[in-house]
């Protein structure tokens, strides 16, 4: 009877190895990609600028007309502005063009 119990000692390591392997797979398949998407969204929201055309998480298109640390002011129609939390911005459709004054200043610097 004692010999049968001694033979099962190696089996105690296998379930622990399987649990560790399961956590490793979960990390690389679920947690890591989610952290990457969260970082990209935070970078996009922090780089918003005046004149950017954006889409909110609700599907509303608008143009950024004002910002502060926590909110973004969007013009959704001529003369209609609404305020949204920064995390409510899903993506930037088009970035604002460089102002004409800055383009003229750059051209003058190249000529000199």
Protein backbone atom coordinates (compact mmCIF):
# COMPACT_ATOMS: atom_id res chain seq x y z
CA UNK A 1 0.00 0.00 0.00
CA UNK A 2 2.86 2.39 0.75
CA UNK A 3 4.44 1.80 -2.66
CA UNK A 4 1.30 2.93 -4.47
CA UNK A 5 1.29 6.24 -2.61
CA UNK A 6 4.95 7.01 -3.32
CA UNK A 7 4.48 6.71 -7.08
CA UNK A 8 2.04 9.66 -7.18
CA UNK A 9 4.53 12.25 -5.91
CA UNK A 10 5.39 13.57 -9.39
CA UNK A 11 1.72 14.19 -10.17
CA UNK A 12 1.54 17.05 -7.65
CA UNK A 13 3.77 19.24 -9.82
CA UNK A 14 1.70 18.90 -13.02
CA UNK A 15 -1.43 20.81 -11.83
CA UNK A 16 0.73 23.69 -10.58
CA UNK A 17 2.53 23.82 -13.92
CA UNK A 18 -0.81 23.86 -15.77
CA UNK A 19 -2.10 26.74 -13.63
CA UNK A 20 1.06 28.75 -14.27
CA UNK A 21 0.79 28.03 -17.99
CA UNK A 22 -2.87 29.12 -17.97
CA UNK A 23 -2.01 32.46 -16.31
CA UNK A 24 0.80 33.00 -18.84
CA UNK A 25 -1.55 32.44 -21.77
CA UNK A 26 -4.18 34.74 -20.23
CA UNK A 27 -1.58 37.48 -19.77
CA UNK A 28 -0.34 37.38 -23.37
CA UNK A 29 -3.75 36.86 -24.98
CA UNK A 30 -5.96 39.20 -22.91
CA UNK A 31 -4.23 41.52 -20.46
CA UNK A 32 -1.27 42.73 -22.54
CA UNK A 33 -3.29 43.70 -25.68
CA UNK A 34 -5.86 45.50 -23.51
CA UNK A 35 -3.10 47.54 -21.83
CA UNK A 36 -1.71 48.45 -25.26
CA UNK A 37 -5.14 49.65 -26.49
CA UNK A 38 -5.60 51.66 -23.29
CA UNK A 39 -2.20 53.36 -23.76
CA UNK A 40 -2.98 54.19 -27.41
CA UNK A 41 -6.36 55.68 -26.45
CA UNK A 42 -4.76 57.81 -23.72
CA UNK A 43 -2.13 59.10 -26.17
CA UNK A 44 -4.81 59.92 -28.76
CA UNK A 45 -6.95 61.77 -26.20
CA UNK A 46 -3.99 63.76 -24.89
CA UNK A 47 -2.93 64.80 -28.41
CA UNK A 48 -6.29 66.30 -29.38
CA UNK A 49 -6.06 69.79 -30.82
CA UNK A 50 -8.33 72.59 -31.99
CA UNK A 51 -9.86 71.80 -35.38
CA UNK A 52 -9.51 68.01 -35.14
CA UNK A 53 -12.53 66.11 -36.43
CA UNK A 54 -13.39 63.33 -33.98
CA UNK A 55 -15.95 60.59 -33.36
CA UNK A 56 -17.37 60.01 -29.88
CA UNK A 57 -18.07 56.57 -28.44
CA UNK A 58 -21.74 57.24 -29.22
CA UNK A 59 -20.97 57.74 -32.93
CA UNK A 60 -21.34 61.54 -32.98
CA UNK A 61 -19.00 63.39 -35.36
CA UNK A 62 -17.74 66.80 -34.35
CA UNK A 63 -14.90 69.30 -34.55
CA UNK A 64 -12.87 70.20 -31.48
CA UNK A 65 -13.34 73.88 -30.62
CA UNK A 66 -12.11 73.96 -27.03
CA UNK A 67 -10.46 71.79 -24.39
CA UNK A 68 -9.46 71.65 -20.76
CA UNK A 69 -7.91 68.88 -18.65
CA UNK A 70 -11.07 66.77 -18.38
CA UNK A 71 -13.46 67.87 -21.15
CA UNK A 72 -13.56 68.62 -24.87
CA UNK A 73 -15.91 71.13 -26.52
CA UNK A 74 -17.19 69.82 -29.87
CA UNK A 75 -19.02 71.70 -32.60
CA UNK A 76 -21.50 69.18 -33.98
CA UNK A 77 -23.30 71.62 -36.30
CA UNK A 78 -22.69 75.27 -37.20
CA UNK A 79 -23.24 77.20 -33.99
CA UNK A 80 -24.03 74.08 -31.89
CA UNK A 81 -21.38 73.14 -29.33
CA UNK A 82 -21.50 70.31 -26.80
CA UNK A 83 -19.15 69.33 -24.00
CA UNK A 84 -17.81 65.75 -23.66
CA UNK A 85 -15.43 64.03 -21.30
CA UNK A 86 -12.07 63.27 -22.95
CA UNK A 87 -12.51 59.48 -22.57
CA UNK A 88 -15.73 59.75 -24.63
CA UNK A 89 -13.65 60.49 -27.75
CA UNK A 90 -13.30 57.19 -29.62
CA UNK A 91 -11.02 58.25 -32.48
CA UNK A 92 -9.70 61.16 -34.51
CA UNK A 93 -11.04 61.19 -38.08
CA UNK A 94 -8.83 64.01 -39.40
CA UNK A 95 -6.17 66.10 -37.72
CA UNK A 96 -6.36 69.88 -38.03
CA UNK A 97 -4.27 71.40 -40.78
CA UNK A 98 -1.25 73.49 -39.89
CA UNK A 99 -2.27 77.15 -39.47
CA UNK A 100 -1.47 79.34 -42.48
CA UNK A 101 0.62 81.74 -40.35
CA UNK A 102 2.92 78.92 -39.21
CA UNK A 103 3.32 77.72 -42.81
CA UNK A 104 4.30 81.26 -43.90
CA UNK A 105 6.82 81.53 -41.03
CA UNK A 106 8.36 78.20 -42.04
CA UNK A 107 8.64 79.35 -45.66
CA UNK A 108 10.37 82.57 -44.57
CA UNK A 109 12.84 80.59 -42.46
CA UNK A 110 13.72 78.38 -45.46
CA UNK A 111 14.40 81.43 -47.70
CA UNK A 112 16.91 82.89 -45.24
